[in-house]
């Protein structure tokens, strides 16, 4: 198939493949890479970390040999990675891949990364150790649901999309409020005419979504069972054994890792870890779908139709072909 070029003549336009966890994003990207000269840029806040392999469903070595993958294993788990860093790195990679005459496939489920790449991020304050310590002390005394209630008073838009137990994001939202007096949601606002123009002219974003929630729940359970069988708990035990990592780090707050770390700390039976890990992953999928509903420019693809994969491949290829006209 001919490789479509963007209107700027630099090279093929990027194509975004988003969706909730376990919806089939990686399978679609690999199928597309069989038909297009493409390279995959991971849009996933867990895949950046070395050593987080099984629990993040990281592409296999064979898949990474078959198709070039980027933004995987670029950070130690002790070193946080931000949305702003993702935008910087992905922007550079997109330019490099297009210059090689190949299609950048942006694939993943970290919706903040997609939104930041498409619209940019306002300059938010960096992390402040003193404010974070205050918030953590409050959480120890009153619990994260109480801080979530505080967030609902000062930033109801952000609070509405965060569950009361999402300590990492609640902490960051309250930190931004205390440092700037502005709600976190105001930094993500994209209401200007320039932002709307970028929204309609930018690369296409395809979203794998389901009609049947039970289908996605089954996939999530099957994936978690496969991770446990592949040695996920041993992987987390090895991270704990390093001695320099904490469950408060962003890498270890990732869904699945957070529950496994707690299971090892508190001696949970495997059945309890499975139950809580699957429940947390379902909540993640729900948040991802909420993000996607706030992206009206996305192009929905059915993830659970009987012929979902070939239909999705054809839809994306048709969009890529149209981009050259």
C-alpha atoms as a PDB file:
ATOM      1  CA  UNK A   1       0.000   0.000   0.000  1.00  0.00           C
ATOM      2  CA  UNK A   2       1.242   3.491  -0.802  1.00  0.00           C
ATOM      3  CA  UNK A   3       2.448   5.464   2.166  1.00  0.00           C
ATOM      4  CA  UNK A   4       0.283   8.583   2.663  1.00  0.00           C
ATOM      5  CA  UNK A   5       1.981  11.908   3.231  1.00  0.00           C
ATOM      6  CA  UNK A   6       0.671  14.745   5.326  1.00  0.00           C
ATOM      7  CA  UNK A   7      -0.276  18.050   3.778  1.00  0.00           C
ATOM      8  CA  UNK A   8       3.083  19.436   4.895  1.00  0.00           C
ATOM      9  CA  UNK A   9       4.850  16.928   2.634  1.00  0.00           C
ATOM     10  CA  UNK A  10       7.145  15.798   5.450  1.00  0.00           C
ATOM     11  CA  UNK A  11       5.918  12.218   5.551  1.00  0.00           C
ATOM     12  CA  UNK A  12       2.969  10.072   6.607  1.00  0.00           C
ATOM     13  CA  UNK A  13       0.643  11.555   9.195  1.00  0.00           C
ATOM     14  CA  UNK A  14       0.603   9.883  12.619  1.00  0.00           C
ATOM     15  CA  UNK A  15      -2.309   7.589  13.442  1.00  0.00           C
ATOM     16  CA  UNK A  16      -3.546   7.235  17.026  1.00  0.00           C
ATOM     17  CA  UNK A  17      -4.900   3.931  18.385  1.00  0.00           C
ATOM     18  CA  UNK A  18      -6.502   4.379  21.817  1.00  0.00           C
ATOM     19  CA  UNK A  19      -8.931   2.407  23.952  1.00  0.00           C
ATOM     20  CA  UNK A  20      -9.405   0.926  27.395  1.00  0.00           C
ATOM     21  CA  UNK A  21      -7.085  -1.749  28.692  1.00  0.00           C
ATOM     22  CA  UNK A  22      -7.536  -5.192  27.083  1.00  0.00           C
ATOM     23  CA  UNK A  23      -9.522  -3.797  24.128  1.00  0.00           C
ATOM     24  CA  UNK A  24      -7.088  -5.036  21.467  1.00  0.00           C
ATOM     25  CA  UNK A  25      -4.943  -1.967  20.735  1.00  0.00           C
ATOM     26  CA  UNK A  26      -1.667  -3.855  20.361  1.00  0.00           C
ATOM     27  CA  UNK A  27      -3.180  -6.486  18.057  1.00  0.00           C
ATOM     28  CA  UNK A  28      -4.578  -3.750  15.816  1.00  0.00           C
ATOM     29  CA  UNK A  29      -1.254  -1.885  15.728  1.00  0.00           C
ATOM     30  CA  UNK A  30       0.673  -5.031  14.798  1.00  0.00           C
ATOM     31  CA  UNK A  31      -1.874  -5.896  12.099  1.00  0.00           C
ATOM     32  CA  UNK A  32      -1.537  -2.394  10.650  1.00  0.00           C
ATOM     33  CA  UNK A  33       2.238  -2.685  10.689  1.00  0.00           C
ATOM     34  CA  UNK A  34       1.903  -5.700   8.369  1.00  0.00           C
ATOM     35  CA  UNK A  35       0.223  -3.430   5.803  1.00  0.00           C
ATOM     36  CA  UNK A  36       1.984  -0.118   6.365  1.00  0.00           C
ATOM     37  CA  UNK A  37       5.642   0.794   6.800  1.00  0.00           C
ATOM     38  CA  UNK A  38       5.126   1.840  10.395  1.00  0.00           C
ATOM     39  CA  UNK A  39       6.769   2.281  13.772  1.00  0.00           C
ATOM     40  CA  UNK A  40       4.910   2.174  17.077  1.00  0.00           C
ATOM     41  CA  UNK A  41       5.193   4.918  19.700  1.00  0.00           C
ATOM     42  CA  UNK A  42       3.863   3.695  23.041  1.00  0.00           C
ATOM     43  CA  UNK A  43       1.346   6.017  24.680  1.00  0.00           C
ATOM     44  CA  UNK A  44       1.451   4.252  28.032  1.00  0.00           C
ATOM     45  CA  UNK A  45       2.667   5.603  31.358  1.00  0.00           C
ATOM     46  CA  UNK A  46       3.714   2.143  32.622  1.00  0.00           C
ATOM     47  CA  UNK A  47       5.583   0.820  29.576  1.00  0.00           C
ATOM     48  CA  UNK A  48       8.239   3.528  29.948  1.00  0.00           C
ATOM     49  CA  UNK A  49       9.597   1.774  33.054  1.00  0.00           C
ATOM     50  CA  UNK A  50      12.201  -0.983  32.958  1.00  0.00           C
ATOM     51  CA  UNK A  51      11.273  -4.066  34.962  1.00  0.00           C
ATOM     52  CA  UNK A  52       7.513  -3.483  34.705  1.00  0.00           C
ATOM     53  CA  UNK A  53       6.996  -6.129  32.049  1.00  0.00           C
ATOM     54  CA  UNK A  54       4.331  -8.693  32.899  1.00  0.00           C
ATOM     55  CA  UNK A  55       1.946  -6.400  34.768  1.00  0.00           C
ATOM     56  CA  UNK A  56       2.048  -3.751  32.047  1.00  0.00           C
ATOM     57  CA  UNK A  57       1.431  -6.238  29.202  1.00  0.00           C
ATOM     58  CA  UNK A  58       4.616  -5.008  27.570  1.00  0.00           C
ATOM     59  CA  UNK A  59       5.117  -6.113  23.939  1.00  0.00           C
ATOM     60  CA  UNK A  60       7.092  -9.310  23.613  1.00  0.00           C
ATOM     61  CA  UNK A  61      10.662  -9.389  22.362  1.00  0.00           C
ATOM     62  CA  UNK A  62       9.440 -10.974  19.105  1.00  0.00           C
ATOM     63  CA  UNK A  63       6.874  -8.195  18.573  1.00  0.00           C
ATOM     64  CA  UNK A  64       9.503  -5.536  19.182  1.00  0.00           C
ATOM     65  CA  UNK A  65      11.810  -7.197  16.659  1.00  0.00           C
ATOM     66  CA  UNK A  66       9.033  -7.424  14.065  1.00  0.00           C
ATOM     67  CA  UNK A  67       8.004  -3.756  14.410  1.00  0.00           C
ATOM     68  CA  UNK A  68      10.120  -0.939  15.876  1.00  0.00           C
ATOM     69  CA  UNK A  69       8.667   0.227  19.206  1.00  0.00           C
ATOM     70  CA  UNK A  70       9.531   3.468  20.995  1.00  0.00           C
ATOM     71  CA  UNK A  71       9.125   4.892  24.524  1.00  0.00           C
ATOM     72  CA  UNK A  72       9.406   1.468  26.134  1.00  0.00           C
ATOM     73  CA  UNK A  73      11.999   0.723  28.853  1.00  0.00           C
ATOM     74  CA  UNK A  74      13.358   4.283  28.821  1.00  0.00           C
ATOM     75  CA  UNK A  75      13.129   5.000  32.560  1.00  0.00           C
ATOM     76  CA  UNK A  76      14.070   3.331  35.831  1.00  0.00           C
ATOM     77  CA  UNK A  77      11.011   2.837  38.083  1.00  0.00           C
ATOM     78  CA  UNK A  78      12.592   5.173  40.626  1.00  0.00           C
ATOM     79  CA  UNK A  79      12.528   8.072  38.145  1.00  0.00           C
ATOM     80  CA  UNK A  80       9.059   9.503  37.420  1.00  0.00           C
ATOM     81  CA  UNK A  81       8.073  10.314  33.843  1.00  0.00           C
ATOM     82  CA  UNK A  82       5.677  13.191  33.125  1.00  0.00           C
ATOM     83  CA  UNK A  83       3.143  14.053  30.441  1.00  0.00           C
ATOM     84  CA  UNK A  84       5.315  17.006  29.425  1.00  0.00           C
ATOM     85  CA  UNK A  85       8.281  14.661  28.904  1.00  0.00           C
ATOM     86  CA  UNK A  86       6.074  12.368  26.842  1.00  0.00           C
ATOM     87  CA  UNK A  87       5.018  15.256  24.586  1.00  0.00           C
ATOM     88  CA  UNK A  88       8.655  16.249  24.076  1.00  0.00           C
ATOM     89  CA  UNK A  89       9.799  12.705  23.326  1.00  0.00           C
ATOM     90  CA  UNK A  90       6.833  11.748  21.145  1.00  0.00           C
ATOM     91  CA  UNK A  91       7.052  14.953  19.110  1.00  0.00           C
ATOM     92  CA  UNK A  92      10.706  14.243  18.335  1.00  0.00           C
ATOM     93  CA  UNK A  93       9.974  10.618  17.438  1.00  0.00           C
ATOM     94  CA  UNK A  94       7.054  11.530  15.178  1.00  0.00           C
ATOM     95  CA  UNK A  95       9.298  13.889  13.203  1.00  0.00           C
ATOM     96  CA  UNK A  96      12.047  11.269  12.932  1.00  0.00           C
ATOM     97  CA  UNK A  97       9.689   8.483  11.815  1.00  0.00           C
ATOM     98  CA  UNK A  98       7.937  10.672   9.245  1.00  0.00           C
ATOM     99  CA  UNK A  99      11.288  11.779   7.881  1.00  0.00           C
ATOM    100  CA  UNK A 100      12.076   8.104   7.274  1.00  0.00           C
ATOM    101  CA  UNK A 101       8.896   7.844   5.170  1.00  0.00           C
ATOM    102  CA  UNK A 102       7.172   5.664   7.751  1.00  0.00           C
ATOM    103  CA  UNK A 103       3.879   6.020   9.627  1.00  0.00           C
ATOM    104  CA  UNK A 104       4.030   6.794  13.361  1.00  0.00           C
ATOM    105  CA  UNK A 105       1.430   4.644  15.139  1.00  0.00           C
ATOM    106  CA  UNK A 106       0.619   6.182  18.530  1.00  0.00           C
ATOM    107  CA  UNK A 107      -0.727   3.268  20.559  1.00  0.00           C
ATOM    108  CA  UNK A 108      -1.830   3.094  24.167  1.00  0.00           C
ATOM    109  CA  UNK A 109      -4.313   3.842  26.908  1.00  0.00           C
ATOM    110  CA  UNK A 110      -2.858   6.830  28.762  1.00  0.00           C
ATOM    111  CA  UNK A 111      -5.440   9.344  27.595  1.00  0.00           C
ATOM    112  CA  UNK A 112      -3.755  12.337  29.220  1.00  0.00           C
ATOM    113  CA  UNK A 113      -0.762  11.683  26.958  1.00  0.00           C
ATOM    114  CA  UNK A 114      -2.960  11.645  23.859  1.00  0.00           C
ATOM    115  CA  UNK A 115      -4.695  14.846  24.884  1.00  0.00           C
ATOM    116  CA  UNK A 116      -1.442  16.589  25.796  1.00  0.00           C
ATOM    117  CA  UNK A 117       0.168  15.599  22.498  1.00  0.00           C
ATOM    118  CA  UNK A 118      -2.780  16.846  20.480  1.00  0.00           C
ATOM    119  CA  UNK A 119      -3.459  20.099  22.338  1.00  0.00           C
ATOM    120  CA  UNK A 120      -0.358  20.768  24.411  1.00  0.00           C
ATOM    121  CA  UNK A 121      -0.180  21.382  28.142  1.00  0.00           C
ATOM    122  CA  UNK A 122      -0.152  24.664  29.955  1.00  0.00           C
ATOM    123  CA  UNK A 123       2.880  25.128  32.167  1.00  0.00           C
ATOM    124  CA  UNK A 124       2.003  23.430  35.425  1.00  0.00           C
ATOM    125  CA  UNK A 125       4.136  23.766  38.546  1.00  0.00           C
ATOM    126  CA  UNK A 126       6.674  21.021  39.194  1.00  0.00           C
ATOM    127  CA  UNK A 127       6.234  18.660  42.113  1.00  0.00           C
ATOM    128  CA  UNK A 128       6.745  20.285  45.491  1.00  0.00           C
ATOM    129  CA  UNK A 129       8.074  17.958  48.200  1.00  0.00           C
ATOM    130  CA  UNK A 130       6.736  20.030  51.088  1.00  0.00           C
ATOM    131  CA  UNK A 131       3.193  20.205  49.724  1.00  0.00           C
ATOM    132  CA  UNK A 132       3.217  16.503  48.919  1.00  0.00           C
ATOM    133  CA  UNK A 133       4.357  15.690  52.442  1.00  0.00           C
ATOM    134  CA  UNK A 134       1.471  17.754  53.839  1.00  0.00           C
ATOM    135  CA  UNK A 135      -1.020  15.936  51.644  1.00  0.00           C
ATOM    136  CA  UNK A 136       0.359  12.512  52.536  1.00  0.00           C
ATOM    137  CA  UNK A 137       0.131  13.399  56.247  1.00  0.00           C
ATOM    138  CA  UNK A 138      -3.498  14.414  55.736  1.00  0.00           C
ATOM    139  CA  UNK A 139      -4.201  11.180  53.906  1.00  0.00           C
ATOM    140  CA  UNK A 140      -2.692   9.098  56.695  1.00  0.00           C
ATOM    141  CA  UNK A 141      -4.886  10.884  59.224  1.00  0.00           C
ATOM    142  CA  UNK A 142      -8.146  11.191  57.284  1.00  0.00           C
ATOM    143  CA  UNK A 143      -7.862   8.883  54.250  1.00  0.00           C
ATOM    144  CA  UNK A 144      -7.770   9.629  50.536  1.00  0.00           C
ATOM    145  CA  UNK A 145     -11.599   9.813  50.219  1.00  0.00           C
ATOM    146  CA  UNK A 146     -11.492  12.860  52.497  1.00  0.00           C
ATOM    147  CA  UNK A 147      -8.923  14.508  50.225  1.00  0.00           C
ATOM    148  CA  UNK A 148     -11.082  13.585  47.261  1.00  0.00           C
ATOM    149  CA  UNK A 149     -13.947  15.451  48.940  1.00  0.00           C
ATOM    150  CA  UNK A 150     -11.646  18.465  49.353  1.00  0.00           C
ATOM    151  CA  UNK A 151     -10.752  18.241  45.672  1.00  0.00           C
ATOM    152  CA  UNK A 152     -14.454  18.163  44.763  1.00  0.00           C
ATOM    153  CA  UNK A 153     -14.852  21.541  46.479  1.00  0.00           C
ATOM    154  CA  UNK A 154     -11.968  23.264  44.688  1.00  0.00           C
ATOM    155  CA  UNK A 155     -11.877  21.404  41.365  1.00  0.00           C
ATOM    156  CA  UNK A 156     -15.152  19.546  40.750  1.00  0.00           C
ATOM    157  CA  UNK A 157     -14.292  18.732  37.120  1.00  0.00           C
ATOM    158  CA  UNK A 158     -11.139  16.835  38.056  1.00  0.00           C
ATOM    159  CA  UNK A 159     -12.773  15.195  41.081  1.00  0.00           C
ATOM    160  CA  UNK A 160     -15.623  13.906  38.902  1.00  0.00           C
ATOM    161  CA  UNK A 161     -13.249  11.796  36.798  1.00  0.00           C
ATOM    162  CA  UNK A 162     -11.164  10.441  39.707  1.00  0.00           C
ATOM    163  CA  UNK A 163     -12.290   7.682  42.085  1.00  0.00           C
ATOM    164  CA  UNK A 164     -11.816   8.460  45.799  1.00  0.00           C
ATOM    165  CA  UNK A 165      -8.966   5.960  46.056  1.00  0.00           C
ATOM    166  CA  UNK A 166      -6.833   7.330  43.192  1.00  0.00           C
ATOM    167  CA  UNK A 167      -4.232   8.740  45.555  1.00  0.00           C
ATOM    168  CA  UNK A 168      -1.646   9.665  42.916  1.00  0.00           C
ATOM    169  CA  UNK A 169      -3.935  11.882  40.846  1.00  0.00           C
ATOM    170  CA  UNK A 170      -5.815  13.337  43.825  1.00  0.00           C
ATOM    171  CA  UNK A 171      -2.504  14.333  45.356  1.00  0.00           C
ATOM    172  CA  UNK A 172      -1.296  15.969  42.149  1.00  0.00           C
ATOM    173  CA  UNK A 173      -4.562  17.869  41.627  1.00  0.00           C
ATOM    174  CA  UNK A 174      -4.534  19.234  45.195  1.00  0.00           C
ATOM    175  CA  UNK A 175      -0.831  20.025  44.909  1.00  0.00           C
ATOM    176  CA  UNK A 176      -1.489  22.137  41.796  1.00  0.00           C
ATOM    177  CA  UNK A 177      -4.376  23.904  43.554  1.00  0.00           C
ATOM    178  CA  UNK A 178      -2.313  24.739  46.613  1.00  0.00           C
ATOM    179  CA  UNK A 179       0.649  25.952  44.588  1.00  0.00           C
ATOM    180  CA  UNK A 180      -1.252  28.058  42.047  1.00  0.00           C
ATOM    181  CA  UNK A 181      -4.766  28.666  43.319  1.00  0.00           C
ATOM    182  CA  UNK A 182      -5.978  27.231  39.997  1.00  0.00           C
ATOM    183  CA  UNK A 183      -7.816  23.925  39.502  1.00  0.00           C
ATOM    184  CA  UNK A 184      -5.936  21.290  37.550  1.00  0.00           C
ATOM    185  CA  UNK A 185      -8.799  21.174  35.043  1.00  0.00           C
ATOM    186  CA  UNK A 186      -8.073  24.777  34.036  1.00  0.00           C
ATOM    187  CA  UNK A 187      -4.604  23.759  32.839  1.00  0.00           C
ATOM    188  CA  UNK A 188      -6.135  21.169  30.514  1.00  0.00           C
ATOM    189  CA  UNK A 189      -8.756  23.518  29.072  1.00  0.00           C
ATOM    190  CA  UNK A 190      -8.669  23.730  25.289  1.00  0.00           C
ATOM    191  CA  UNK A 191     -11.364  26.266  24.486  1.00  0.00           C
ATOM    192  CA  UNK A 192      -9.406  28.697  22.321  1.00  0.00           C
ATOM    193  CA  UNK A 193     -10.006  29.000  18.591  1.00  0.00           C
ATOM    194  CA  UNK A 194      -6.428  27.859  17.975  1.00  0.00           C
ATOM    195  CA  UNK A 195      -7.007  24.693  19.984  1.00  0.00           C
ATOM    196  CA  UNK A 196     -10.202  23.948  18.065  1.00  0.00           C
ATOM    197  CA  UNK A 197      -8.356  24.430  14.786  1.00  0.00           C
ATOM    198  CA  UNK A 198      -5.649  21.977  15.872  1.00  0.00           C
ATOM    199  CA  UNK A 199      -8.328  19.552  16.954  1.00  0.00           C
ATOM    200  CA  UNK A 200      -9.935  19.352  13.512  1.00  0.00           C
ATOM    201  CA  UNK A 201      -6.747  19.379  11.443  1.00  0.00           C
ATOM    202  CA  UNK A 202      -4.533  17.027  13.442  1.00  0.00           C
ATOM    203  CA  UNK A 203      -3.847  13.334  12.911  1.00  0.00           C
ATOM    204  CA  UNK A 204      -6.739  10.875  13.306  1.00  0.00           C
ATOM    205  CA  UNK A 205      -7.345   9.166  16.631  1.00  0.00           C
ATOM    206  CA  UNK A 206      -9.123   5.803  16.483  1.00  0.00           C
ATOM    207  CA  UNK A 207     -10.693   4.448  19.651  1.00  0.00           C
ATOM    208  CA  UNK A 208     -11.468   0.778  20.287  1.00  0.00           C
ATOM    209  CA  UNK A 209     -14.653   0.732  22.358  1.00  0.00           C
ATOM    210  CA  UNK A 210     -17.136  -1.977  23.260  1.00  0.00           C
ATOM    211  CA  UNK A 211     -20.888  -2.331  23.031  1.00  0.00           C
ATOM    212  CA  UNK A 212     -20.888  -5.115  25.629  1.00  0.00           C
ATOM    213  CA  UNK A 213     -19.223  -4.235  28.926  1.00  0.00           C
ATOM    214  CA  UNK A 214     -19.193  -7.907  29.938  1.00  0.00           C
ATOM    215  CA  UNK A 215     -16.936  -8.664  26.952  1.00  0.00           C
ATOM    216  CA  UNK A 216     -14.324  -6.212  28.217  1.00  0.00           C
ATOM    217  CA  UNK A 217     -14.654  -7.500  31.782  1.00  0.00           C
ATOM    218  CA  UNK A 218     -13.974 -11.053  30.572  1.00  0.00           C
ATOM    219  CA  UNK A 219     -10.913  -9.873  28.669  1.00  0.00           C
ATOM    220  CA  UNK A 220      -9.623  -8.043  31.732  1.00  0.00           C
ATOM    221  CA  UNK A 221     -10.035 -11.131  33.914  1.00  0.00           C
ATOM    222  CA  UNK A 222      -8.368 -13.369  31.324  1.00  0.00           C
ATOM    223  CA  UNK A 223      -5.439 -10.983  31.015  1.00  0.00           C
ATOM    224  CA  UNK A 224      -4.958 -10.731  34.782  1.00  0.00           C
ATOM    225  CA  UNK A 225      -5.052 -14.520  35.120  1.00  0.00           C
ATOM    226  CA  UNK A 226      -2.456 -14.811  32.344  1.00  0.00           C
ATOM    227  CA  UNK A 227      -0.219 -12.283  34.109  1.00  0.00           C
ATOM    228  CA  UNK A 228      -0.429 -14.217  37.367  1.00  0.00           C
ATOM    229  CA  UNK A 229       0.414 -17.452  35.532  1.00  0.00           C
ATOM    230  CA  UNK A 230       3.382 -15.743  33.859  1.00  0.00           C
ATOM    231  CA  UNK A 231       4.946 -14.796  37.212  1.00  0.00           C
ATOM    232  CA  UNK A 232       3.581 -11.313  37.871  1.00  0.00           C
ATOM    233  CA  UNK A 233       3.869 -11.655  41.644  1.00  0.00           C
ATOM    234  CA  UNK A 234       7.525 -12.711  41.307  1.00  0.00           C
ATOM    235  CA  UNK A 235       8.138  -9.637  39.131  1.00  0.00           C
ATOM    236  CA  UNK A 236       6.774  -7.336  41.849  1.00  0.00           C
ATOM    237  CA  UNK A 237       8.727  -9.217  44.528  1.00  0.00           C
ATOM    238  CA  UNK A 238      11.929  -8.554  42.571  1.00  0.00           C
ATOM    239  CA  UNK A 239      11.102  -4.833  42.405  1.00  0.00           C
ATOM    240  CA  UNK A 240      10.485  -4.767  46.171  1.00  0.00           C
ATOM    241  CA  UNK A 241      13.753  -6.616  46.786  1.00  0.00           C
ATOM    242  CA  UNK A 242      15.720  -3.758  45.232  1.00  0.00           C
ATOM    243  CA  UNK A 243      15.192  -1.818  48.432  1.00  0.00           C
ATOM    244  CA  UNK A 244      15.174   1.615  46.784  1.00  0.00           C
ATOM    245  CA  UNK A 245      11.603   1.649  45.478  1.00  0.00           C
ATOM    246  CA  UNK A 246       8.410   2.729  47.223  1.00  0.00           C
ATOM    247  CA  UNK A 247       4.752   2.013  46.487  1.00  0.00           C
ATOM    248  CA  UNK A 248       4.277   5.793  46.416  1.00  0.00           C
ATOM    249  CA  UNK A 249       6.315   6.137  43.219  1.00  0.00           C
ATOM    250  CA  UNK A 250       4.236   6.706  40.051  1.00  0.00           C
ATOM    251  CA  UNK A 251       5.606   3.523  38.472  1.00  0.00           C
ATOM    252  CA  UNK A 252       4.432   1.362  41.361  1.00  0.00           C
ATOM    253  CA  UNK A 253       1.070   3.064  41.573  1.00  0.00           C
ATOM    254  CA  UNK A 254       0.154   1.551  38.221  1.00  0.00           C
ATOM    255  CA  UNK A 255      -2.920  -0.654  38.359  1.00  0.00           C
ATOM    256  CA  UNK A 256      -1.978  -4.211  39.250  1.00  0.00           C
ATOM    257  CA  UNK A 257       1.408  -3.249  40.663  1.00  0.00           C
ATOM    258  CA  UNK A 258      -0.208  -1.306  43.490  1.00  0.00           C
ATOM    259  CA  UNK A 259      -2.363  -4.288  44.460  1.00  0.00           C
ATOM    260  CA  UNK A 260       0.477  -6.811  44.120  1.00  0.00           C
ATOM    261  CA  UNK A 261       2.796  -4.712  46.291  1.00  0.00           C
ATOM    262  CA  UNK A 262       0.084  -4.487  48.970  1.00  0.00           C
ATOM    263  CA  UNK A 263      -0.548  -8.229  48.677  1.00  0.00           C
ATOM    264  CA  UNK A 264       3.119  -8.931  49.411  1.00  0.00           C
ATOM    265  CA  UNK A 265       3.160  -6.428  52.278  1.00  0.00           C
ATOM    266  CA  UNK A 266       0.036  -7.823  53.922  1.00  0.00           C
ATOM    267  CA  UNK A 267       0.229 -11.494  52.958  1.00  0.00           C
ATOM    268  CA  UNK A 268      -2.939 -11.637  50.893  1.00  0.00           C
ATOM    269  CA  UNK A 269      -3.970 -15.002  49.455  1.00  0.00           C
ATOM    270  CA  UNK A 270      -3.682 -15.191  45.690  1.00  0.00           C
ATOM    271  CA  UNK A 271      -7.473 -15.213  45.314  1.00  0.00           C
ATOM    272  CA  UNK A 272      -7.736 -11.828  47.048  1.00  0.00           C
ATOM    273  CA  UNK A 273      -5.024 -10.329  44.861  1.00  0.00           C
ATOM    274  CA  UNK A 274      -6.844 -11.605  41.791  1.00  0.00           C
ATOM    275  CA  UNK A 275     -10.166 -10.158  42.962  1.00  0.00           C
ATOM    276  CA  UNK A 276      -8.744  -6.737  43.796  1.00  0.00           C
ATOM    277  CA  UNK A 277      -6.465  -6.588  40.774  1.00  0.00           C
ATOM    278  CA  UNK A 278      -9.320  -7.309  38.384  1.00  0.00           C
ATOM    279  CA  UNK A 279     -11.583  -4.803  40.151  1.00  0.00           C
ATOM    280  CA  UNK A 280      -8.903  -2.098  39.932  1.00  0.00           C
ATOM    281  CA  UNK A 281      -8.345  -2.843  36.250  1.00  0.00           C
ATOM    282  CA  UNK A 282     -12.079  -2.528  35.586  1.00  0.00           C
ATOM    283  CA  UNK A 283     -12.017   0.866  37.279  1.00  0.00           C
ATOM    284  CA  UNK A 284      -9.064   1.870  35.097  1.00  0.00           C
ATOM    285  CA  UNK A 285     -11.010   0.889  31.975  1.00  0.00           C
ATOM    286  CA  UNK A 286     -13.974   2.945  33.170  1.00  0.00           C
ATOM    287  CA  UNK A 287     -11.735   6.002  33.635  1.00  0.00           C
ATOM    288  CA  UNK A 288     -10.186   5.490  30.213  1.00  0.00           C
ATOM    289  CA  UNK A 289     -13.628   5.400  28.603  1.00  0.00           C
ATOM    290  CA  UNK A 290     -14.596   8.571  30.465  1.00  0.00           C
ATOM    291  CA  UNK A 291     -11.520  10.291  29.028  1.00  0.00           C
ATOM    292  CA  UNK A 292     -12.402   9.048  25.537  1.00  0.00           C
ATOM    293  CA  UNK A 293     -15.934  10.391  25.748  1.00  0.00           C
ATOM    294  CA  UNK A 294     -14.325  13.784  26.335  1.00  0.00           C
ATOM    295  CA  UNK A 295     -12.459  13.492  23.016  1.00  0.00           C
ATOM    296  CA  UNK A 296     -15.189  14.137  20.422  1.00  0.00           C
ATOM    297  CA  UNK A 297     -12.655  14.093  17.580  1.00  0.00           C
ATOM    298  CA  UNK A 298     -11.973  10.384  18.075  1.00  0.00           C
ATOM    299  CA  UNK A 299     -13.214   7.834  15.554  1.00  0.00           C
ATOM    300  CA  UNK A 300     -14.901   4.930  17.329  1.00  0.00           C
ATOM    301  CA  UNK A 301     -14.160   1.364  16.279  1.00  0.00           C
ATOM    302  CA  UNK A 302     -15.962  -1.690  17.610  1.00  0.00           C
ATOM    303  CA  UNK A 303     -13.664  -3.802  19.767  1.00  0.00           C
ATOM    304  CA  UNK A 304     -16.111  -6.631  20.423  1.00  0.00           C
ATOM    305  CA  UNK A 305     -17.683  -7.296  17.025  1.00  0.00           C
ATOM    306  CA  UNK A 306     -17.030 -10.836  15.682  1.00  0.00           C
ATOM    307  CA  UNK A 307     -14.903  -9.407  12.850  1.00  0.00           C
ATOM    308  CA  UNK A 308     -13.555  -6.479  14.858  1.00  0.00           C
ATOM    309  CA  UNK A 309      -9.888  -6.732  13.880  1.00  0.00           C
ATOM    310  CA  UNK A 310     -10.209  -6.887  10.057  1.00  0.00           C
ATOM    311  CA  UNK A 311     -12.873  -4.168  10.109  1.00  0.00           C
ATOM    312  CA  UNK A 312     -10.692  -1.931  12.262  1.00  0.00           C
ATOM    313  CA  UNK A 313      -7.693  -2.512   9.991  1.00  0.00           C
ATOM    314  CA  UNK A 314      -9.712  -1.546   6.929  1.00  0.00           C
ATOM    315  CA  UNK A 315     -11.099   1.587   8.600  1.00  0.00           C
ATOM    316  CA  UNK A 316      -7.655   2.812   9.569  1.00  0.00           C
ATOM    317  CA  UNK A 317      -6.129   2.015   6.190  1.00  0.00           C
ATOM    318  CA  UNK A 318      -8.955   3.874   4.466  1.00  0.00           C
ATOM    319  CA  UNK A 319      -8.272   6.933   6.616  1.00  0.00           C
ATOM    320  CA  UNK A 320      -4.548   6.702   5.837  1.00  0.00           C
ATOM    321  CA  UNK A 321      -5.290   6.518   2.110  1.00  0.00           C
ATOM    322  CA  UNK A 322      -7.647   9.497   2.304  1.00  0.00           C
ATOM    323  CA  UNK A 323      -4.877  11.533   3.964  1.00  0.00           C
ATOM    324  CA  UNK A 324      -2.867  11.542   0.749  1.00  0.00           C
ATOM    325  CA  UNK A 325      -5.708  13.161  -1.224  1.00  0.00           C
END
